[in-house]
Amino acid sequence: MKVTRQNPLLKTIEPLITAIGGILIDVDQMKNGDVTLEVDGVVVAAVRLPALHGALDRMIESVERELGAKLSDLSRTAKQRAIRLLDERGAFTLRRAVEDVADAMGVSRITVYNYLNSLHR
C-alpha cells in the first residue's frame, strides 16, 4: 500500500511529522521502531522518527522558526524565551547542550545557566 497524503489522518498530522523531523513510511517499508498509524484498526502508514544525533540542532531550528530569527539575533528577552522553549522540549538533557546553545546565541554558557536558573526558581 502506497502512502497517500490524501488520507485525512495523514494530511492532519503531516505538519507534526515534519516538525519532529520524522518521515512518513509506506506500510510495506516499515521497520522495527517505526510508529504505526492506524485508521479503524488498519495500519495505513508509519512514521520513522529521526535519530537522536542532531536532535539539538533540530530543536534550535524549530525555536528559531517559532521566534522568527536566529538565536544570536534575538533580544535578551527573546533569548530567555528561547531558553524556556528549549528547556520545555528537553534540550538541556542532551550532552553539551548548554555550550552548544550558548554558541548559537552568542552568549557565555554562564548566561545560559543564569537563564535556566531563573526559570527553575
N, C-alpha and C. Protein backbone atom coordinates (compact mmCIF):
# COMPACT_ATOMS: atom_id res chain seq x y z
N MET A 1 0.85 -1.18 0.00
CA MET A 1 0.00 0.00 0.00
C MET A 1 0.89 1.25 0.00
N LYS A 2 0.68 2.12 -0.93
CA LYS A 2 1.45 3.36 -1.00
C LYS A 2 0.84 4.42 -0.10
N VAL A 3 1.72 5.17 0.56
CA VAL A 3 1.25 6.24 1.43
C VAL A 3 0.61 7.31 0.56
N THR A 4 -0.60 7.66 0.88
CA THR A 4 -1.28 8.74 0.17
C THR A 4 -1.53 9.88 1.13
N ARG A 5 -1.05 11.01 0.76
CA ARG A 5 -1.23 12.18 1.63
C ARG A 5 -2.65 12.73 1.52
N GLN A 6 -3.49 12.07 0.72
CA GLN A 6 -4.90 12.47 0.64
C GLN A 6 -5.69 11.90 1.82
N ASN A 7 -5.14 10.90 2.49
CA ASN A 7 -5.78 10.33 3.66
C ASN A 7 -5.92 11.44 4.70
N PRO A 8 -7.13 11.67 5.22
CA PRO A 8 -7.34 12.78 6.17
C PRO A 8 -6.41 12.72 7.39
N LEU A 9 -6.18 11.53 7.91
CA LEU A 9 -5.28 11.41 9.07
C LEU A 9 -3.88 11.89 8.71
N LEU A 10 -3.37 11.43 7.57
CA LEU A 10 -2.01 11.79 7.18
C LEU A 10 -1.88 13.27 6.86
N LYS A 11 -2.90 13.84 6.22
CA LYS A 11 -2.88 15.28 5.94
C LYS A 11 -2.87 16.08 7.24
N THR A 12 -3.60 15.59 8.23
CA THR A 12 -3.70 16.29 9.51
C THR A 12 -2.39 16.28 10.28
N ILE A 13 -1.72 15.12 10.29
CA ILE A 13 -0.51 15.01 11.12
C ILE A 13 0.78 15.30 10.37
N GLU A 14 0.71 15.54 9.07
CA GLU A 14 1.93 15.80 8.30
C GLU A 14 2.76 16.97 8.86
N PRO A 15 2.14 18.10 9.27
CA PRO A 15 2.97 19.17 9.86
C PRO A 15 3.69 18.73 11.13
N LEU A 16 3.05 17.89 11.93
CA LEU A 16 3.68 17.37 13.14
C LEU A 16 4.86 16.48 12.79
N ILE A 17 4.67 15.60 11.83
CA ILE A 17 5.74 14.70 11.40
C ILE A 17 6.94 15.51 10.92
N THR A 18 6.66 16.53 10.12
CA THR A 18 7.73 17.39 9.62
C THR A 18 8.42 18.13 10.76
N ALA A 19 7.65 18.64 11.70
CA ALA A 19 8.22 19.41 12.82
C ALA A 19 9.16 18.59 13.68
N ILE A 20 8.88 17.30 13.82
CA ILE A 20 9.75 16.47 14.65
C ILE A 20 10.86 15.82 13.84
N GLY A 21 10.89 16.09 12.53
CA GLY A 21 11.94 15.52 11.69
C GLY A 21 11.67 14.09 11.28
N GLY A 22 10.42 13.65 11.41
CA GLY A 22 10.06 12.29 11.03
C GLY A 22 9.82 12.15 9.54
N ILE A 23 9.70 10.90 9.12
CA ILE A 23 9.45 10.59 7.71
C ILE A 23 8.25 9.66 7.65
N LEU A 24 7.33 9.96 6.74
CA LEU A 24 6.18 9.10 6.53
C LEU A 24 6.61 7.89 5.70
N ILE A 25 6.25 6.70 6.16
CA ILE A 25 6.72 5.46 5.57
C ILE A 25 5.53 4.62 5.09
N ASP A 26 5.67 4.00 3.90
CA ASP A 26 4.68 3.04 3.43
C ASP A 26 4.66 1.83 4.34
N VAL A 27 3.51 1.20 4.46
CA VAL A 27 3.36 0.02 5.31
C VAL A 27 4.35 -1.06 4.92
N ASP A 28 4.56 -1.27 3.62
CA ASP A 28 5.47 -2.34 3.18
C ASP A 28 6.94 -2.01 3.38
N GLN A 29 7.24 -0.79 3.82
CA GLN A 29 8.63 -0.38 4.07
C GLN A 29 8.92 -0.22 5.56
N MET A 30 7.95 -0.58 6.41
CA MET A 30 8.11 -0.40 7.85
C MET A 30 9.24 -1.26 8.40
N LYS A 31 9.89 -0.72 9.44
CA LYS A 31 10.94 -1.43 10.16
C LYS A 31 10.61 -1.40 11.64
N ASN A 32 11.31 -2.25 12.41
CA ASN A 32 11.16 -2.19 13.86
C ASN A 32 11.50 -0.78 14.33
N GLY A 33 10.72 -0.26 15.23
CA GLY A 33 10.95 1.08 15.76
C GLY A 33 10.11 2.14 15.08
N ASP A 34 9.55 1.85 13.91
CA ASP A 34 8.65 2.81 13.27
C ASP A 34 7.35 2.87 14.06
N VAL A 35 6.72 4.02 14.08
CA VAL A 35 5.47 4.20 14.79
C VAL A 35 4.32 4.03 13.79
N THR A 36 3.48 3.04 14.04
CA THR A 36 2.39 2.76 13.10
C THR A 36 1.25 3.75 13.27
N LEU A 37 0.60 4.06 12.17
CA LEU A 37 -0.56 4.93 12.15
C LEU A 37 -1.75 4.10 11.69
N GLU A 38 -2.76 4.01 12.52
CA GLU A 38 -3.92 3.17 12.23
C GLU A 38 -5.18 4.01 12.07
N VAL A 39 -6.04 3.56 11.16
CA VAL A 39 -7.36 4.13 10.99
C VAL A 39 -8.34 2.96 11.04
N ASP A 40 -9.25 3.00 11.97
CA ASP A 40 -10.24 1.92 12.14
C ASP A 40 -9.58 0.55 12.22
N GLY A 41 -8.47 0.46 12.93
CA GLY A 41 -7.80 -0.81 13.14
C GLY A 41 -6.92 -1.28 11.99
N VAL A 42 -6.80 -0.48 10.94
CA VAL A 42 -5.98 -0.85 9.79
C VAL A 42 -4.76 0.07 9.74
N VAL A 43 -3.56 -0.51 9.67
CA VAL A 43 -2.34 0.29 9.57
C VAL A 43 -2.29 0.91 8.18
N VAL A 44 -2.26 2.26 8.13
CA VAL A 44 -2.25 2.96 6.84
C VAL A 44 -0.88 3.51 6.48
N ALA A 45 -0.02 3.65 7.47
CA ALA A 45 1.32 4.18 7.24
C ALA A 45 2.09 4.07 8.55
N ALA A 46 3.31 4.54 8.52
CA ALA A 46 4.14 4.58 9.73
C ALA A 46 4.97 5.85 9.69
N VAL A 47 5.49 6.18 10.83
CA VAL A 47 6.40 7.33 10.94
C VAL A 47 7.74 6.81 11.43
N ARG A 48 8.78 7.16 10.69
CA ARG A 48 10.13 6.83 11.12
C ARG A 48 10.68 8.08 11.81
N LEU A 49 10.96 7.94 13.09
CA LEU A 49 11.46 9.06 13.88
C LEU A 49 12.94 9.30 13.57
N PRO A 50 13.39 10.54 13.71
CA PRO A 50 14.79 10.84 13.43
C PRO A 50 15.70 10.28 14.51
N ALA A 51 16.93 10.07 14.15
CA ALA A 51 17.93 9.62 15.12
C ALA A 51 18.17 10.73 16.14
N LEU A 52 18.62 10.35 17.31
CA LEU A 52 18.90 11.34 18.35
C LEU A 52 20.01 12.28 17.91
N HIS A 53 20.94 11.76 17.12
CA HIS A 53 22.02 12.60 16.60
C HIS A 53 21.41 13.77 15.83
N GLY A 54 21.76 14.97 16.18
CA GLY A 54 21.22 16.16 15.51
C GLY A 54 19.96 16.70 16.14
N ALA A 55 19.51 16.07 17.23
CA ALA A 55 18.25 16.49 17.87
C ALA A 55 18.33 17.94 18.36
N LEU A 56 19.45 18.32 18.95
CA LEU A 56 19.56 19.69 19.46
C LEU A 56 19.50 20.69 18.32
N ASP A 57 20.17 20.39 17.22
CA ASP A 57 20.12 21.29 16.06
C ASP A 57 18.69 21.45 15.56
N ARG A 58 17.95 20.35 15.53
CA ARG A 58 16.55 20.43 15.08
C ARG A 58 15.71 21.25 16.06
N MET A 59 15.97 21.10 17.36
CA MET A 59 15.23 21.89 18.35
C MET A 59 15.55 23.38 18.20
N ILE A 60 16.82 23.69 18.01
CA ILE A 60 17.22 25.08 17.83
C ILE A 60 16.55 25.66 16.58
N GLU A 61 16.58 24.93 15.48
CA GLU A 61 15.95 25.40 14.25
C GLU A 61 14.46 25.63 14.44
N SER A 62 13.81 24.74 15.18
CA SER A 62 12.38 24.87 15.45
C SER A 62 12.09 26.14 16.25
N VAL A 63 12.89 26.39 17.28
CA VAL A 63 12.71 27.59 18.10
C VAL A 63 12.99 28.84 17.27
N GLU A 64 14.00 28.79 16.44
CA GLU A 64 14.30 29.95 15.57
C GLU A 64 13.13 30.24 14.63
N ARG A 65 12.53 29.19 14.06
CA ARG A 65 11.36 29.39 13.19
C ARG A 65 10.21 29.99 13.99
N GLU A 66 10.02 29.46 15.19
CA GLU A 66 8.92 29.94 16.03
C GLU A 66 9.09 31.40 16.44
N LEU A 67 10.33 31.78 16.73
CA LEU A 67 10.59 33.16 17.18
C LEU A 67 10.91 34.10 16.03
N GLY A 68 11.14 33.56 14.85
CA GLY A 68 11.33 34.39 13.66
C GLY A 68 12.71 34.95 13.45
N ALA A 69 13.72 34.41 14.13
CA ALA A 69 15.08 34.91 13.95
C ALA A 69 16.08 33.89 14.49
N LYS A 70 17.31 34.02 14.06
CA LYS A 70 18.39 33.20 14.60
C LYS A 70 18.56 33.53 16.08
N LEU A 71 18.97 32.54 16.86
CA LEU A 71 19.14 32.77 18.30
C LEU A 71 20.07 33.94 18.57
N SER A 72 21.12 34.05 17.79
CA SER A 72 22.10 35.12 18.02
C SER A 72 21.53 36.52 17.74
N ASP A 73 20.46 36.59 16.95
CA ASP A 73 19.86 37.89 16.60
C ASP A 73 18.74 38.31 17.53
N LEU A 74 18.39 37.47 18.49
CA LEU A 74 17.27 37.75 19.38
C LEU A 74 17.66 38.77 20.46
N SER A 75 16.66 39.48 20.94
CA SER A 75 16.85 40.37 22.09
C SER A 75 17.06 39.52 23.34
N ARG A 76 17.46 40.17 24.41
CA ARG A 76 17.68 39.45 25.67
C ARG A 76 16.40 38.73 26.11
N THR A 77 15.28 39.42 26.04
CA THR A 77 14.00 38.83 26.44
C THR A 77 13.65 37.64 25.54
N ALA A 78 13.86 37.77 24.26
CA ALA A 78 13.56 36.68 23.33
C ALA A 78 14.52 35.50 23.54
N LYS A 79 15.77 35.80 23.90
CA LYS A 79 16.72 34.71 24.21
C LYS A 79 16.25 33.94 25.44
N GLN A 80 15.74 34.65 26.43
CA GLN A 80 15.21 33.98 27.62
C GLN A 80 14.01 33.12 27.25
N ARG A 81 13.17 33.61 26.36
CA ARG A 81 12.03 32.81 25.89
C ARG A 81 12.53 31.58 25.14
N ALA A 82 13.56 31.75 24.31
CA ALA A 82 14.13 30.62 23.57
C ALA A 82 14.66 29.56 24.53
N ILE A 83 15.32 29.99 25.59
CA ILE A 83 15.83 29.05 26.59
C ILE A 83 14.66 28.30 27.23
N ARG A 84 13.59 29.01 27.53
CA ARG A 84 12.41 28.37 28.11
C ARG A 84 11.84 27.32 27.16
N LEU A 85 11.71 27.67 25.88
CA LEU A 85 11.18 26.73 24.89
C LEU A 85 12.08 25.50 24.76
N LEU A 86 13.38 25.74 24.69
CA LEU A 86 14.32 24.62 24.57
C LEU A 86 14.27 23.74 25.82
N ASP A 87 14.16 24.37 26.97
CA ASP A 87 14.09 23.61 28.22
C ASP A 87 12.81 22.76 28.26
N GLU A 88 11.69 23.35 27.86
CA GLU A 88 10.42 22.61 27.83
C GLU A 88 10.49 21.41 26.89
N ARG A 89 11.30 21.52 25.84
CA ARG A 89 11.41 20.44 24.85
C ARG A 89 12.50 19.43 25.20
N GLY A 90 13.14 19.63 26.36
CA GLY A 90 14.12 18.67 26.83
C GLY A 90 15.51 18.83 26.26
N ALA A 91 15.79 19.97 25.67
CA ALA A 91 17.08 20.18 25.02
C ALA A 91 18.25 20.04 25.98
N PHE A 92 18.06 20.48 27.20
CA PHE A 92 19.20 20.53 28.13
C PHE A 92 19.48 19.20 28.82
N THR A 93 18.74 18.17 28.42
CA THR A 93 19.08 16.82 28.89
C THR A 93 20.16 16.21 28.00
N LEU A 94 20.42 16.84 26.87
CA LEU A 94 21.42 16.34 25.93
C LEU A 94 22.81 16.83 26.34
N ARG A 95 23.77 15.99 26.10
CA ARG A 95 25.17 16.30 26.43
C ARG A 95 25.64 17.52 25.64
N ARG A 96 26.32 18.44 26.30
CA ARG A 96 26.89 19.66 25.74
C ARG A 96 25.84 20.65 25.23
N ALA A 97 24.59 20.48 25.61
CA ALA A 97 23.54 21.36 25.12
C ALA A 97 23.75 22.80 25.56
N VAL A 98 24.13 23.02 26.81
CA VAL A 98 24.31 24.39 27.29
C VAL A 98 25.39 25.09 26.46
N GLU A 99 26.50 24.41 26.24
CA GLU A 99 27.59 25.00 25.47
C GLU A 99 27.16 25.28 24.02
N ASP A 100 26.45 24.32 23.41
CA ASP A 100 26.03 24.49 22.02
C ASP A 100 24.99 25.59 21.87
N VAL A 101 24.06 25.69 22.81
CA VAL A 101 23.06 26.75 22.76
C VAL A 101 23.73 28.10 23.00
N ALA A 102 24.66 28.16 23.94
CA ALA A 102 25.40 29.40 24.19
C ALA A 102 26.11 29.86 22.92
N ASP A 103 26.76 28.93 22.23
CA ASP A 103 27.43 29.27 20.97
C ASP A 103 26.43 29.80 19.94
N ALA A 104 25.28 29.13 19.82
CA ALA A 104 24.27 29.55 18.85
C ALA A 104 23.71 30.93 19.19
N MET A 105 23.65 31.26 20.48
CA MET A 105 23.11 32.55 20.92
C MET A 105 24.16 33.66 20.91
N GLY A 106 25.43 33.26 20.92
CA GLY A 106 26.47 34.27 21.00
C GLY A 106 26.62 34.81 22.42
N VAL A 107 26.34 33.95 23.41
CA VAL A 107 26.48 34.32 24.82
C VAL A 107 27.36 33.29 25.51
N SER A 108 27.70 33.56 26.74
CA SER A 108 28.50 32.59 27.51
C SER A 108 27.60 31.48 28.05
N ARG A 109 28.20 30.37 28.40
CA ARG A 109 27.41 29.28 28.99
C ARG A 109 26.87 29.71 30.36
N ILE A 110 27.60 30.60 31.04
CA ILE A 110 27.12 31.12 32.32
C ILE A 110 25.79 31.87 32.13
N THR A 111 25.68 32.60 31.03
CA THR A 111 24.43 33.31 30.73
C THR A 111 23.29 32.32 30.55
N VAL A 112 23.55 31.24 29.81
CA VAL A 112 22.51 30.21 29.62
C VAL A 112 22.13 29.61 30.96
N TYR A 113 23.12 29.28 31.80
CA TYR A 113 22.83 28.75 33.13
C TYR A 113 22.01 29.75 33.95
N ASN A 114 22.32 31.03 33.86
CA ASN A 114 21.55 32.05 34.58
C ASN A 114 20.10 32.08 34.11
N TYR A 115 19.89 32.01 32.79
CA TYR A 115 18.52 31.98 32.25
C TYR A 115 17.79 30.74 32.75
N LEU A 116 18.46 29.59 32.74
CA LEU A 116 17.85 28.35 33.23
C LEU A 116 17.52 28.43 34.72
N ASN A 117 18.47 28.99 35.49
CA ASN A 117 18.23 29.12 36.93
C ASN A 117 17.03 30.02 37.21
N SER A 118 16.87 31.09 36.45
CA SER A 118 15.73 31.97 36.68
C SER A 118 14.41 31.28 36.32
N LEU A 119 14.44 30.34 35.38
CA LEU A 119 13.25 29.59 35.03
C LEU A 119 12.84 28.62 36.14
N HIS A 120 13.82 28.04 36.79
CA HIS A 120 13.57 26.98 37.74
C HIS A 120 13.41 27.45 39.17
N ARG A 121 13.44 28.76 39.39
CA ARG A 121 13.25 29.30 40.74
C ARG A 121 11.81 29.24 41.15
